[in-house]
Amino acid sequence: MYASDKYSMLLIFQAMDAAGKDSTIKHVMSGLNPQGTQVFSFKKPSEEELDHGYLWRINKALPERGRIGIFNRSHYEEVLVVRVHDLIKYQKLPDEVKTNDIWLRRYEQINNFEKYLYENGTIILKFFLHVSKEEQKQRFLERIEDKSKNWKFAEGDIKEREHWNEYQKCYQEAISATSKDHAPWYIIPADKKWFMRLLVSEIIVKKMESLDLKYPELSKEQLDSLDKCKQMLLNEK
């Protein structure tokens, strides 16, 4: 893919806290050449980012042709955490667009954005790592009890857990509205990490194989040039 320079691939990971996004990215992508891979983790938007449309920071992070881009969280935060916590009222938007149908319009915007990417050579795969509420509880307790994992836990994780049902509703609506043939969602069971990683790996490999990628073929002029360079090297004294 890197050599042919026609396609890029965008892998999007969304999940509740402790579902295993970081570890999945680490394990599944560990065999890739870093020269052709990039990972972006999207946190709370900065003041500069809030001064632009919500897709602005996403556009800046998109993979170039020939590369694989990985999003740890993504533009979908705008129809998930922003919706759950009603953060839209703090965004610098005209009052006339802050209506009840804003989420439907954002689904449409996201669909149009992803279709544009697809039609310009970006392969999009979206993964929702679906952890159960009980498994999340056990992983939180493990992070609290294991000193080497304390850094992974924050009090805010418990506060977010209180909104579990609201998040599930928003995820269901967002996935239903934005899973398209050109940008499909895959709901991956995440309680068993080994199984989750296997499924993600298989989906990515199957998609890449379907592209039937080959190394570029050189023209006669390029082959003649290679032969000329070879002779020059062989004739060196």
Protein backbone atom coordinates (compact mmCIF):
# COMPACT_ATOMS: atom_id res chain seq x y z
CA MET A 1 0.00 0.00 0.00
CA TYR A 2 2.85 2.34 0.84
CA ALA A 3 4.57 1.63 -2.49
CA SER A 4 1.47 1.90 -4.69
CA ASP A 5 0.54 5.25 -3.07
CA LYS A 6 -3.13 5.10 -4.12
CA TYR A 7 -5.02 4.08 -1.00
CA SER A 8 -4.86 5.20 2.59
CA MET A 9 -6.58 3.40 5.45
CA LEU A 10 -8.33 4.97 8.43
CA LEU A 11 -9.06 2.80 11.47
CA ILE A 12 -11.40 4.35 14.03
CA PHE A 13 -11.68 2.99 17.57
CA GLN A 14 -14.49 4.05 19.90
CA ALA A 15 -15.44 2.53 23.22
CA MET A 16 -16.41 3.12 26.81
CA ASP A 17 -13.55 3.59 29.27
CA ALA A 18 -11.45 0.46 29.99
CA ALA A 19 -12.77 -1.39 26.93
CA GLY A 20 -9.23 -1.90 25.63
CA LYS A 21 -8.69 0.64 22.85
CA ASP A 22 -5.05 1.32 23.76
CA SER A 23 -4.10 -2.33 24.18
CA THR A 24 -5.88 -3.34 20.97
CA ILE A 25 -4.03 -0.69 18.99
CA LYS A 26 -0.77 -1.78 20.60
CA HIS A 27 -1.21 -5.52 19.97
CA VAL A 28 -2.91 -5.49 16.58
CA MET A 29 -0.70 -2.81 15.03
CA SER A 30 2.64 -3.88 16.53
CA GLY A 31 3.74 -5.63 13.32
CA LEU A 32 3.32 -2.56 11.11
CA ASN A 33 6.21 -0.48 9.83
CA PRO A 34 6.12 2.81 11.79
CA GLN A 35 7.08 4.71 8.63
CA GLY A 36 3.67 3.96 7.17
CA THR A 37 1.56 4.22 10.31
CA GLN A 38 0.31 7.05 12.49
CA VAL A 39 -1.83 7.14 15.63
CA PHE A 40 -3.86 10.08 16.94
CA SER A 41 -5.65 10.22 20.28
CA PHE A 42 -8.36 12.87 20.41
CA LYS A 43 -8.82 14.46 23.81
CA LYS A 44 -10.83 17.51 24.88
CA PRO A 45 -10.71 20.12 22.08
CA SER A 46 -8.34 23.04 22.53
CA GLU A 47 -9.43 26.67 22.26
CA GLU A 48 -7.98 26.80 18.75
CA GLU A 49 -9.92 23.69 17.76
CA LEU A 50 -13.14 25.09 19.19
CA ASP A 51 -12.67 28.13 16.96
CA HIS A 52 -13.11 25.84 13.94
CA GLY A 53 -15.73 23.31 12.86
CA TYR A 54 -15.52 19.98 14.69
CA LEU A 55 -14.07 18.20 11.65
CA TRP A 56 -11.14 20.63 11.36
CA ARG A 57 -8.85 18.78 13.75
CA ILE A 58 -9.89 15.49 12.16
CA ASN A 59 -8.89 16.70 8.70
CA LYS A 60 -5.44 17.63 9.97
CA ALA A 61 -4.86 14.11 11.28
CA LEU A 62 -5.99 12.12 8.24
CA PRO A 63 -3.46 9.62 6.81
CA GLU A 64 -1.70 10.42 3.54
CA ARG A 65 -1.92 8.05 0.60
CA GLY A 66 -0.01 4.87 1.30
CA ARG A 67 -0.32 5.18 5.08
CA ILE A 68 -2.50 3.69 7.81
CA GLY A 69 -4.03 6.19 10.21
CA ILE A 70 -5.42 5.08 13.57
CA PHE A 71 -7.85 7.23 15.56
CA ASN A 72 -8.14 6.55 19.28
CA ARG A 73 -11.51 8.27 19.65
CA SER A 74 -12.52 10.50 16.77
CA HIS A 75 -15.09 12.90 15.33
CA TYR A 76 -17.72 10.59 16.83
CA GLU A 77 -17.07 12.19 20.21
CA GLU A 78 -19.16 15.05 18.84
CA VAL A 79 -22.29 12.87 18.82
CA LEU A 80 -21.37 10.94 21.98
CA VAL A 81 -19.76 12.78 24.90
CA VAL A 82 -20.91 16.18 23.58
CA ARG A 83 -24.47 14.89 23.40
CA VAL A 84 -24.46 13.04 26.73
CA HIS A 85 -23.16 16.07 28.62
CA ASP A 86 -25.02 18.67 26.53
CA LEU A 87 -21.73 20.39 25.70
CA ILE A 88 -23.15 21.78 22.48
CA LYS A 89 -24.33 24.86 24.39
CA TYR A 90 -20.70 25.77 25.09
CA GLN A 91 -19.59 25.48 21.47
CA LYS A 92 -19.14 28.63 19.44
CA LEU A 93 -22.06 28.05 17.11
CA PRO A 94 -24.85 30.36 15.95
CA ASP A 95 -27.98 29.96 18.06
CA GLU A 96 -30.06 29.09 15.01
CA VAL A 97 -28.15 25.81 14.46
CA LYS A 98 -28.45 24.68 18.10
CA THR A 99 -31.78 23.02 17.50
CA ASN A 100 -33.16 19.63 18.50
CA ASP A 101 -32.23 18.10 15.16
CA ILE A 102 -28.55 19.03 15.40
CA TRP A 103 -27.55 15.40 16.00
CA LEU A 104 -29.35 14.22 12.88
CA ARG A 105 -27.57 16.92 10.91
CA ARG A 106 -24.25 15.87 12.38
CA TYR A 107 -24.85 12.27 11.35
CA GLU A 108 -25.47 13.56 7.83
CA GLN A 109 -22.31 15.68 7.93
CA ILE A 110 -20.24 12.72 9.14
CA ASN A 111 -21.68 10.46 6.44
CA ASN A 112 -20.90 13.03 3.75
CA PHE A 113 -17.40 13.54 5.13
CA GLU A 114 -16.62 9.83 5.20
CA LYS A 115 -18.06 9.31 1.73
CA TYR A 116 -15.82 12.08 0.44
CA LEU A 117 -12.80 10.37 2.02
CA TYR A 118 -13.77 7.00 0.55
CA GLU A 119 -14.26 8.44 -2.93
CA ASN A 120 -10.78 9.92 -2.71
CA GLY A 121 -9.04 6.67 -1.82
CA THR A 122 -9.35 6.34 1.97
CA ILE A 123 -10.51 2.94 3.22
CA ILE A 124 -12.47 3.41 6.46
CA LEU A 125 -13.03 0.74 9.12
CA LYS A 126 -14.78 1.70 12.37
CA PHE A 127 -14.64 -0.44 15.51
CA PHE A 128 -16.85 -0.12 18.58
CA LEU A 129 -15.24 -2.20 21.32
CA HIS A 130 -18.28 -3.24 23.32
CA VAL A 131 -17.39 -3.96 26.94
CA SER A 132 -20.07 -4.98 29.44
CA LYS A 133 -20.78 -2.82 32.48
CA GLU A 134 -19.71 -5.62 34.85
CA GLU A 135 -16.42 -6.15 33.01
CA GLN A 136 -15.71 -2.42 33.09
CA LYS A 137 -16.27 -2.48 36.86
CA GLN A 138 -13.73 -5.30 37.28
CA ARG A 139 -11.15 -3.49 35.13
CA PHE A 140 -11.61 -0.28 37.11
CA LEU A 141 -11.07 -2.20 40.36
CA GLU A 142 -7.94 -3.79 38.90
CA ARG A 143 -6.57 -0.36 37.99
CA ILE A 144 -7.19 0.87 41.53
CA GLU A 145 -5.70 -2.19 43.23
CA ASP A 146 -2.64 -2.59 40.95
CA LYS A 147 -0.16 0.24 41.62
CA SER A 148 1.36 -0.17 38.18
CA LYS A 149 -2.05 0.65 36.70
CA ASN A 150 -3.08 3.48 39.03
CA TRP A 151 -2.11 6.05 36.41
CA LYS A 152 -4.82 4.68 34.09
CA PHE A 153 -7.62 5.52 36.51
CA ALA A 154 -9.22 8.87 37.29
CA GLU A 155 -12.19 9.85 39.41
CA GLY A 156 -13.83 11.14 36.24
CA ASP A 157 -14.06 7.54 35.00
CA ILE A 158 -16.62 6.80 37.74
CA LYS A 159 -18.60 9.93 36.88
CA GLU A 160 -18.73 8.87 33.23
CA ARG A 161 -19.87 5.40 34.28
CA GLU A 162 -22.94 7.02 35.86
CA HIS A 163 -24.04 7.94 32.34
CA TRP A 164 -23.74 4.34 31.06
CA ASN A 165 -27.30 4.05 29.73
CA GLU A 166 -27.16 7.43 28.01
CA TYR A 167 -23.90 6.47 26.30
CA GLN A 168 -25.35 3.16 25.14
CA LYS A 169 -28.31 4.98 23.60
CA CYS A 170 -26.06 7.51 21.84
CA TYR A 171 -23.73 4.78 20.55
CA GLN A 172 -26.68 2.79 19.21
CA GLU A 173 -28.12 5.79 17.38
CA ALA A 174 -24.75 6.96 16.02
CA ILE A 175 -23.73 3.52 14.76
CA SER A 176 -27.12 2.89 13.17
CA ALA A 177 -27.03 6.26 11.41
CA THR A 178 -23.44 6.12 10.17
CA SER A 179 -22.64 2.51 9.32
CA LYS A 180 -22.42 2.51 5.53
CA ASP A 181 -20.97 0.16 2.93
CA HIS A 182 -18.12 2.62 2.31
CA ALA A 183 -17.51 3.19 6.04
CA PRO A 184 -18.85 0.23 8.07
CA TRP A 185 -19.04 -0.08 11.83
CA TYR A 186 -17.98 -3.35 13.47
CA ILE A 187 -19.30 -4.03 16.97
CA ILE A 188 -16.59 -6.09 18.66
CA PRO A 189 -17.26 -7.98 21.94
CA ALA A 190 -14.58 -6.66 24.28
CA ASP A 191 -14.90 -8.68 27.50
CA LYS A 192 -12.31 -11.19 26.25
CA LYS A 193 -9.34 -9.16 25.08
CA TRP A 194 -7.71 -11.94 23.05
CA PHE A 195 -10.93 -12.51 21.11
CA MET A 196 -11.44 -8.79 20.56
CA ARG A 197 -7.93 -8.40 19.14
CA LEU A 198 -8.35 -11.44 16.91
CA LEU A 199 -11.58 -10.10 15.40
CA VAL A 200 -10.09 -6.67 14.74
CA SER A 201 -7.01 -8.24 13.14
CA GLU A 202 -9.07 -10.51 10.88
CA ILE A 203 -11.28 -7.66 9.68
CA ILE A 204 -8.30 -5.46 8.81
CA VAL A 205 -6.41 -8.25 7.05
CA LYS A 206 -9.46 -9.33 5.05
CA LYS A 207 -10.06 -5.76 3.90
CA MET A 208 -6.45 -5.22 2.88
CA GLU A 209 -6.41 -8.49 0.95
CA SER A 210 -9.53 -7.40 -0.92
CA LEU A 211 -7.65 -4.38 -2.30
CA ASP A 212 -5.41 -6.75 -4.28
CA LEU A 213 -2.40 -4.52 -3.75
CA LYS A 214 0.71 -4.99 -5.86
CA TYR A 215 4.05 -3.29 -6.17
CA PRO A 216 4.06 -0.67 -8.97
CA GLU A 217 5.30 -1.92 -12.36
CA LEU A 218 8.08 0.14 -13.93
CA SER A 219 7.90 1.43 -17.48
CA LYS A 220 10.40 0.34 -20.16
CA GLU A 221 12.19 3.66 -19.75
CA GLN A 222 12.50 3.16 -16.00
CA LEU A 223 13.75 -0.40 -16.44
CA ASP A 224 16.31 0.80 -18.98
CA SER A 225 17.44 3.43 -16.50
CA LEU A 226 17.84 0.78 -13.79
CA ASP A 227 19.92 -1.35 -16.14
CA LYS A 228 22.08 1.66 -16.97
CA CYS A 229 22.64 2.38 -13.27
CA LYS A 230 23.49 -1.26 -12.68
CA GLN A 231 26.12 -1.18 -15.40
CA MET A 232 27.62 2.01 -14.00
CA LEU A 233 27.97 0.37 -10.60
CA LEU A 234 29.50 -2.79 -12.06
CA ASN A 235 31.98 -0.76 -14.10
CA GLU A 236 33.25 1.19 -11.09
CA LYS A 237 36.94 0.73 -10.35
